[in-house]
Amino acid sequence: MNGESGWGISIVAMVALLIAVVSVALVNWAARCLGKQWSLGARLVEGHELIEDGPYRFVRNPIYTGMFGMLVATGLIAMRWERLAVAVIMFAAGTYVRIRMEEHLLRAAFGVRFEEYARRVWAVIPGIY
């Protein structure tokens, strides 16, 4: 952000703060909706349910959406634009692989119901993916 005016830096900081707050709230909301089904590893638990309410009405993977927002917010404040672009590409690639693994499990468990949900709701970012 070298050479930017104080106002430009303040606006970027305010946007980054807003993105960060919304992202953390989204992750928290999504984790609460998952309850005991949330885990670090891709797995299904006994009695696993397909969650389609809360933030899952808007995206199938709101925790990844929130993590992406946190990455962008951090990048706006702490990184050079080139480094943020590289970080976004790496995050997107890793998240794509992870989502494919998780959705494979969900398709096996919920079949047509999951397919209908996947057709209706974007994976991570509405209108993009």
N, C-alpha and C. Protein backbone atom coordinates (compact mmCIF):
# COMPACT_ATOMS: atom_id res chain seq x y z
N MET A 1 0.81 -1.18 0.00
CA MET A 1 0.00 0.00 0.00
C MET A 1 0.86 1.25 0.00
N ASN A 2 2.07 1.13 -0.46
CA ASN A 2 2.96 2.27 -0.49
C ASN A 2 2.41 3.35 -1.40
N GLY A 3 2.50 4.60 -0.95
CA GLY A 3 2.08 5.72 -1.76
C GLY A 3 0.60 6.02 -1.69
N GLU A 4 -0.18 5.23 -0.97
CA GLU A 4 -1.61 5.49 -0.87
C GLU A 4 -1.84 6.57 0.17
N SER A 5 -2.90 7.34 -0.06
CA SER A 5 -3.26 8.38 0.92
C SER A 5 -3.81 7.73 2.18
N GLY A 6 -3.87 8.51 3.24
CA GLY A 6 -4.44 8.03 4.49
C GLY A 6 -5.87 7.57 4.31
N TRP A 7 -6.64 8.27 3.48
CA TRP A 7 -8.03 7.88 3.25
C TRP A 7 -8.11 6.54 2.55
N GLY A 8 -7.25 6.31 1.58
CA GLY A 8 -7.25 5.02 0.87
C GLY A 8 -6.96 3.86 1.79
N ILE A 9 -5.99 4.06 2.66
CA ILE A 9 -5.64 3.03 3.63
C ILE A 9 -6.79 2.82 4.61
N SER A 10 -7.42 3.89 5.05
CA SER A 10 -8.54 3.78 5.99
C SER A 10 -9.71 3.04 5.37
N ILE A 11 -10.00 3.32 4.13
CA ILE A 11 -11.10 2.64 3.45
C ILE A 11 -10.79 1.15 3.30
N VAL A 12 -9.58 0.82 2.90
CA VAL A 12 -9.18 -0.59 2.78
C VAL A 12 -9.28 -1.27 4.14
N ALA A 13 -8.83 -0.61 5.19
CA ALA A 13 -8.89 -1.18 6.54
C ALA A 13 -10.34 -1.40 6.97
N MET A 14 -11.21 -0.46 6.68
CA MET A 14 -12.62 -0.61 7.06
C MET A 14 -13.28 -1.74 6.27
N VAL A 15 -12.98 -1.84 4.99
CA VAL A 15 -13.52 -2.93 4.17
C VAL A 15 -13.01 -4.27 4.69
N ALA A 16 -11.70 -4.34 4.98
CA ALA A 16 -11.12 -5.57 5.50
C ALA A 16 -11.75 -5.96 6.83
N LEU A 17 -11.96 -4.98 7.71
CA LEU A 17 -12.59 -5.26 9.00
C LEU A 17 -14.01 -5.78 8.81
N LEU A 18 -14.77 -5.17 7.93
CA LEU A 18 -16.14 -5.63 7.65
C LEU A 18 -16.14 -7.06 7.11
N ILE A 19 -15.25 -7.33 6.16
CA ILE A 19 -15.15 -8.69 5.60
C ILE A 19 -14.78 -9.68 6.69
N ALA A 20 -13.84 -9.31 7.55
CA ALA A 20 -13.40 -10.21 8.62
C ALA A 20 -14.53 -10.49 9.60
N VAL A 21 -15.23 -9.48 10.03
CA VAL A 21 -16.32 -9.67 11.00
C VAL A 21 -17.42 -10.55 10.40
N VAL A 22 -17.83 -10.26 9.18
CA VAL A 22 -18.87 -11.06 8.53
C VAL A 22 -18.39 -12.50 8.35
N SER A 23 -17.14 -12.68 7.98
CA SER A 23 -16.59 -14.02 7.75
C SER A 23 -16.55 -14.85 9.02
N VAL A 24 -16.09 -14.24 10.11
CA VAL A 24 -16.04 -14.96 11.39
C VAL A 24 -17.45 -15.31 11.85
N ALA A 25 -18.39 -14.39 11.68
CA ALA A 25 -19.78 -14.66 12.06
C ALA A 25 -20.36 -15.79 11.21
N LEU A 26 -20.04 -15.82 9.93
CA LEU A 26 -20.52 -16.88 9.03
C LEU A 26 -19.98 -18.24 9.46
N VAL A 27 -18.69 -18.32 9.74
CA VAL A 27 -18.09 -19.58 10.19
C VAL A 27 -18.74 -20.05 11.49
N ASN A 28 -18.92 -19.13 12.42
CA ASN A 28 -19.54 -19.48 13.70
C ASN A 28 -20.97 -19.98 13.49
N TRP A 29 -21.75 -19.30 12.69
CA TRP A 29 -23.13 -19.68 12.41
C TRP A 29 -23.19 -21.06 11.76
N ALA A 30 -22.32 -21.28 10.77
CA ALA A 30 -22.29 -22.57 10.07
C ALA A 30 -21.90 -23.70 11.00
N ALA A 31 -20.90 -23.50 11.83
CA ALA A 31 -20.46 -24.54 12.77
C ALA A 31 -21.57 -24.86 13.77
N ARG A 32 -22.29 -23.84 14.23
CA ARG A 32 -23.40 -24.08 15.15
C ARG A 32 -24.52 -24.87 14.48
N CYS A 33 -24.77 -24.59 13.21
CA CYS A 33 -25.81 -25.35 12.48
C CYS A 33 -25.41 -26.82 12.30
N LEU A 34 -24.12 -27.06 12.10
CA LEU A 34 -23.65 -28.44 11.95
C LEU A 34 -23.66 -29.19 13.27
N GLY A 35 -23.42 -28.50 14.36
CA GLY A 35 -23.39 -29.14 15.67
C GLY A 35 -22.36 -30.26 15.72
N LYS A 36 -22.78 -31.43 16.18
CA LYS A 36 -21.87 -32.57 16.35
C LYS A 36 -21.39 -33.14 15.02
N GLN A 37 -21.99 -32.73 13.93
CA GLN A 37 -21.57 -33.23 12.61
C GLN A 37 -20.30 -32.55 12.13
N TRP A 38 -19.93 -31.40 12.72
CA TRP A 38 -18.73 -30.70 12.29
C TRP A 38 -17.50 -31.49 12.69
N SER A 39 -16.52 -31.56 11.78
CA SER A 39 -15.24 -32.19 12.12
C SER A 39 -14.16 -31.62 11.24
N LEU A 40 -12.94 -31.80 11.67
CA LEU A 40 -11.80 -31.34 10.89
C LEU A 40 -11.62 -32.21 9.65
N GLY A 41 -11.86 -33.51 9.81
CA GLY A 41 -11.72 -34.44 8.70
C GLY A 41 -13.04 -34.66 7.99
N ALA A 42 -12.96 -34.98 6.70
CA ALA A 42 -14.16 -35.26 5.91
C ALA A 42 -14.71 -36.62 6.35
N ARG A 43 -15.90 -36.60 6.97
CA ARG A 43 -16.50 -37.84 7.45
C ARG A 43 -17.98 -37.63 7.69
N LEU A 44 -18.69 -38.73 7.80
CA LEU A 44 -20.09 -38.70 8.19
C LEU A 44 -20.19 -39.35 9.56
N VAL A 45 -21.10 -38.86 10.38
CA VAL A 45 -21.31 -39.45 11.69
C VAL A 45 -22.61 -40.25 11.66
N GLU A 46 -22.79 -41.12 12.64
CA GLU A 46 -24.01 -41.90 12.72
C GLU A 46 -25.20 -40.94 12.85
N GLY A 47 -26.22 -41.16 12.03
CA GLY A 47 -27.39 -40.29 12.04
C GLY A 47 -27.15 -38.95 11.35
N HIS A 48 -26.13 -38.88 10.51
CA HIS A 48 -25.77 -37.64 9.82
C HIS A 48 -26.97 -37.10 9.04
N GLU A 49 -27.19 -35.81 9.13
CA GLU A 49 -28.26 -35.14 8.41
C GLU A 49 -27.69 -34.20 7.37
N LEU A 50 -28.42 -34.01 6.28
CA LEU A 50 -28.04 -33.02 5.28
C LEU A 50 -28.59 -31.68 5.75
N ILE A 51 -27.70 -30.76 6.10
CA ILE A 51 -28.11 -29.45 6.61
C ILE A 51 -28.34 -28.53 5.41
N GLU A 52 -29.56 -27.98 5.34
CA GLU A 52 -29.92 -27.09 4.24
C GLU A 52 -30.46 -25.76 4.73
N ASP A 53 -30.42 -25.52 6.04
CA ASP A 53 -30.93 -24.26 6.57
C ASP A 53 -29.77 -23.43 7.11
N GLY A 54 -30.11 -22.30 7.73
CA GLY A 54 -29.06 -21.40 8.20
C GLY A 54 -28.25 -20.90 7.01
N PRO A 55 -26.94 -20.78 7.16
CA PRO A 55 -26.13 -20.29 6.04
C PRO A 55 -26.07 -21.29 4.88
N TYR A 56 -26.44 -22.53 5.14
CA TYR A 56 -26.44 -23.57 4.11
C TYR A 56 -27.56 -23.35 3.09
N ARG A 57 -28.44 -22.39 3.33
CA ARG A 57 -29.44 -21.99 2.32
C ARG A 57 -28.77 -21.21 1.21
N PHE A 58 -27.66 -20.54 1.52
CA PHE A 58 -27.02 -19.63 0.58
C PHE A 58 -25.82 -20.24 -0.13
N VAL A 59 -25.05 -21.04 0.59
CA VAL A 59 -23.90 -21.76 0.01
C VAL A 59 -23.79 -23.11 0.69
N ARG A 60 -23.29 -24.10 -0.05
CA ARG A 60 -23.17 -25.45 0.53
C ARG A 60 -22.01 -25.56 1.50
N ASN A 61 -21.06 -24.67 1.41
CA ASN A 61 -19.85 -24.74 2.23
C ASN A 61 -19.55 -23.38 2.88
N PRO A 62 -20.44 -22.91 3.76
CA PRO A 62 -20.24 -21.57 4.31
C PRO A 62 -18.99 -21.43 5.17
N ILE A 63 -18.49 -22.50 5.73
CA ILE A 63 -17.25 -22.39 6.50
C ILE A 63 -16.10 -22.04 5.57
N TYR A 64 -16.06 -22.64 4.39
CA TYR A 64 -15.02 -22.30 3.42
C TYR A 64 -15.22 -20.88 2.89
N THR A 65 -16.48 -20.47 2.74
CA THR A 65 -16.75 -19.09 2.32
C THR A 65 -16.19 -18.13 3.36
N GLY A 66 -16.44 -18.42 4.63
CA GLY A 66 -15.92 -17.58 5.70
C GLY A 66 -14.40 -17.58 5.76
N MET A 67 -13.81 -18.75 5.57
CA MET A 67 -12.34 -18.84 5.57
C MET A 67 -11.77 -18.01 4.41
N PHE A 68 -12.43 -18.06 3.26
CA PHE A 68 -11.99 -17.26 2.12
C PHE A 68 -12.07 -15.77 2.46
N GLY A 69 -13.16 -15.37 3.09
CA GLY A 69 -13.30 -13.98 3.50
C GLY A 69 -12.20 -13.55 4.45
N MET A 70 -11.86 -14.43 5.40
CA MET A 70 -10.77 -14.11 6.35
C MET A 70 -9.44 -13.98 5.62
N LEU A 71 -9.21 -14.84 4.63
CA LEU A 71 -7.98 -14.75 3.83
C LEU A 71 -7.92 -13.42 3.10
N VAL A 72 -9.03 -13.05 2.46
CA VAL A 72 -9.06 -11.78 1.73
C VAL A 72 -8.87 -10.60 2.68
N ALA A 73 -9.55 -10.61 3.81
CA ALA A 73 -9.40 -9.52 4.78
C ALA A 73 -7.95 -9.39 5.25
N THR A 74 -7.35 -10.52 5.56
CA THR A 74 -5.94 -10.50 5.99
C THR A 74 -5.05 -9.99 4.88
N GLY A 75 -5.31 -10.47 3.67
CA GLY A 75 -4.52 -10.03 2.52
C GLY A 75 -4.64 -8.55 2.25
N LEU A 76 -5.82 -8.01 2.43
CA LEU A 76 -6.00 -6.57 2.21
C LEU A 76 -5.16 -5.74 3.17
N ILE A 77 -5.00 -6.23 4.38
CA ILE A 77 -4.25 -5.49 5.39
C ILE A 77 -2.75 -5.79 5.36
N ALA A 78 -2.39 -7.08 5.23
CA ALA A 78 -1.01 -7.48 5.51
C ALA A 78 -0.16 -7.84 4.30
N MET A 79 -0.73 -8.01 3.15
CA MET A 79 0.05 -8.53 2.02
C MET A 79 0.09 -7.57 0.86
N ARG A 80 0.99 -7.89 -0.04
CA ARG A 80 1.01 -7.24 -1.34
C ARG A 80 -0.05 -7.93 -2.20
N TRP A 81 -0.57 -7.21 -3.16
CA TRP A 81 -1.63 -7.75 -4.01
C TRP A 81 -1.20 -9.03 -4.73
N GLU A 82 0.06 -9.09 -5.15
CA GLU A 82 0.54 -10.29 -5.85
C GLU A 82 0.49 -11.51 -4.92
N ARG A 83 0.88 -11.30 -3.68
CA ARG A 83 0.87 -12.40 -2.71
C ARG A 83 -0.57 -12.83 -2.38
N LEU A 84 -1.46 -11.86 -2.29
CA LEU A 84 -2.86 -12.19 -2.06
C LEU A 84 -3.41 -13.01 -3.22
N ALA A 85 -3.05 -12.64 -4.44
CA ALA A 85 -3.52 -13.39 -5.61
C ALA A 85 -3.03 -14.84 -5.56
N VAL A 86 -1.78 -15.03 -5.20
CA VAL A 86 -1.23 -16.39 -5.08
C VAL A 86 -1.94 -17.15 -3.96
N ALA A 87 -2.17 -16.50 -2.84
CA ALA A 87 -2.85 -17.14 -1.72
C ALA A 87 -4.27 -17.54 -2.10
N VAL A 88 -4.97 -16.68 -2.84
CA VAL A 88 -6.33 -16.99 -3.28
C VAL A 88 -6.32 -18.19 -4.21
N ILE A 89 -5.37 -18.26 -5.12
CA ILE A 89 -5.28 -19.40 -6.04
C ILE A 89 -5.01 -20.69 -5.27
N MET A 90 -4.09 -20.63 -4.33
CA MET A 90 -3.78 -21.82 -3.53
C MET A 90 -4.98 -22.24 -2.68
N PHE A 91 -5.65 -21.28 -2.07
CA PHE A 91 -6.84 -21.58 -1.26
C PHE A 91 -7.92 -22.21 -2.15
N ALA A 92 -8.14 -21.63 -3.31
CA ALA A 92 -9.17 -22.14 -4.22
C ALA A 92 -8.87 -23.58 -4.64
N ALA A 93 -7.62 -23.86 -4.96
CA ALA A 93 -7.25 -25.22 -5.38
C ALA A 93 -7.46 -26.22 -4.25
N GLY A 94 -6.96 -25.90 -3.07
CA GLY A 94 -7.11 -26.81 -1.94
C GLY A 94 -8.56 -26.99 -1.53
N THR A 95 -9.31 -25.91 -1.55
CA THR A 95 -10.71 -25.97 -1.17
C THR A 95 -11.51 -26.78 -2.19
N TYR A 96 -11.20 -26.63 -3.46
CA TYR A 96 -11.87 -27.40 -4.50
C TYR A 96 -11.70 -28.90 -4.25
N VAL A 97 -10.47 -29.31 -3.97
CA VAL A 97 -10.19 -30.73 -3.70
C VAL A 97 -10.95 -31.19 -2.47
N ARG A 98 -10.93 -30.41 -1.41
CA ARG A 98 -11.61 -30.77 -0.18
C ARG A 98 -13.12 -30.89 -0.39
N ILE A 99 -13.70 -29.93 -1.11
CA ILE A 99 -15.14 -29.97 -1.37
C ILE A 99 -15.51 -31.21 -2.18
N ARG A 100 -14.69 -31.56 -3.16
CA ARG A 100 -14.97 -32.76 -3.96
C ARG A 100 -15.00 -34.01 -3.07
N MET A 101 -14.08 -34.12 -2.12
CA MET A 101 -14.05 -35.27 -1.20
C MET A 101 -15.31 -35.28 -0.33
N GLU A 102 -15.64 -34.14 0.24
CA GLU A 102 -16.80 -34.06 1.12
C GLU A 102 -18.10 -34.34 0.36
N GLU A 103 -18.21 -33.79 -0.84
CA GLU A 103 -19.44 -33.98 -1.61
C GLU A 103 -19.57 -35.42 -2.11
N HIS A 104 -18.47 -36.08 -2.31
CA HIS A 104 -18.52 -37.51 -2.66
C HIS A 104 -19.20 -38.29 -1.53
N LEU A 105 -18.82 -37.99 -0.30
CA LEU A 105 -19.43 -38.64 0.86
C LEU A 105 -20.93 -38.31 0.95
N LEU A 106 -21.26 -37.04 0.73
CA LEU A 106 -22.66 -36.63 0.84
C LEU A 106 -23.52 -37.22 -0.27
N ARG A 107 -22.96 -37.32 -1.47
CA ARG A 107 -23.70 -37.95 -2.57
C ARG A 107 -23.98 -39.42 -2.25
N ALA A 108 -22.98 -40.09 -1.70
CA ALA A 108 -23.14 -41.51 -1.36
C ALA A 108 -24.20 -41.68 -0.28
N ALA A 109 -24.26 -40.76 0.67
CA ALA A 109 -25.20 -40.88 1.79
C ALA A 109 -26.60 -40.39 1.45
N PHE A 110 -26.72 -39.33 0.65
CA PHE A 110 -28.02 -38.69 0.45
C PHE A 110 -28.54 -38.75 -0.99
N GLY A 111 -27.72 -39.21 -1.92
CA GLY A 111 -28.14 -39.42 -3.29
C GLY A 111 -28.85 -38.25 -3.94
N VAL A 112 -30.07 -38.50 -4.43
CA VAL A 112 -30.84 -37.51 -5.18
C VAL A 112 -31.09 -36.25 -4.35
N ARG A 113 -31.32 -36.41 -3.09
CA ARG A 113 -31.57 -35.24 -2.23
C ARG A 113 -30.37 -34.28 -2.26
N PHE A 114 -29.15 -34.84 -2.17
CA PHE A 114 -27.97 -33.98 -2.24
C PHE A 114 -27.83 -33.38 -3.63
N GLU A 115 -28.08 -34.16 -4.68
CA GLU A 115 -27.97 -33.65 -6.05
C GLU A 115 -28.90 -32.46 -6.27
N GLU A 116 -30.12 -32.56 -5.77
CA GLU A 116 -31.07 -31.45 -5.89
C GLU A 116 -30.57 -30.22 -5.13
N TYR A 117 -30.05 -30.43 -3.95
CA TYR A 117 -29.49 -29.35 -3.14
C TYR A 117 -28.31 -28.71 -3.88
N ALA A 118 -27.44 -29.53 -4.44
CA ALA A 118 -26.25 -29.02 -5.14
C ALA A 118 -26.64 -28.22 -6.39
N ARG A 119 -27.71 -28.61 -7.05
CA ARG A 119 -28.17 -27.85 -8.23
C ARG A 119 -28.76 -26.50 -7.83
N ARG A 120 -29.32 -26.41 -6.67
CA ARG A 120 -30.04 -25.23 -6.21
C ARG A 120 -29.13 -24.22 -5.48
N VAL A 121 -28.06 -24.70 -4.85
CA VAL A 121 -27.24 -23.84 -3.98
C VAL A 121 -25.78 -23.87 -4.45
N TRP A 122 -25.19 -22.69 -4.58
CA TRP A 122 -23.78 -22.58 -4.98
C TRP A 122 -22.87 -23.22 -3.95
N ALA A 123 -21.69 -23.66 -4.36
CA ALA A 123 -20.76 -24.36 -3.47
C ALA A 123 -20.13 -23.42 -2.44
N VAL A 124 -19.55 -22.30 -2.87
CA VAL A 124 -18.80 -21.44 -1.95
C VAL A 124 -19.17 -19.97 -2.10
N ILE A 125 -19.17 -19.47 -3.34
CA ILE A 125 -19.43 -18.06 -3.58
C ILE A 125 -20.59 -17.95 -4.57
N PRO A 126 -21.74 -17.45 -4.10
CA PRO A 126 -22.91 -17.36 -4.98
C PRO A 126 -22.58 -16.62 -6.30
N GLY A 127 -23.01 -17.23 -7.38
CA GLY A 127 -22.81 -16.63 -8.70
C GLY A 127 -21.46 -16.93 -9.32
N ILE A 128 -20.54 -17.52 -8.55
CA ILE A 128 -19.19 -17.81 -9.07
C ILE A 128 -18.91 -19.31 -9.03
N TYR A 129 -19.01 -19.91 -7.84
CA TYR A 129 -18.75 -21.34 -7.67
C TYR A 129 -19.52 -21.86 -6.49
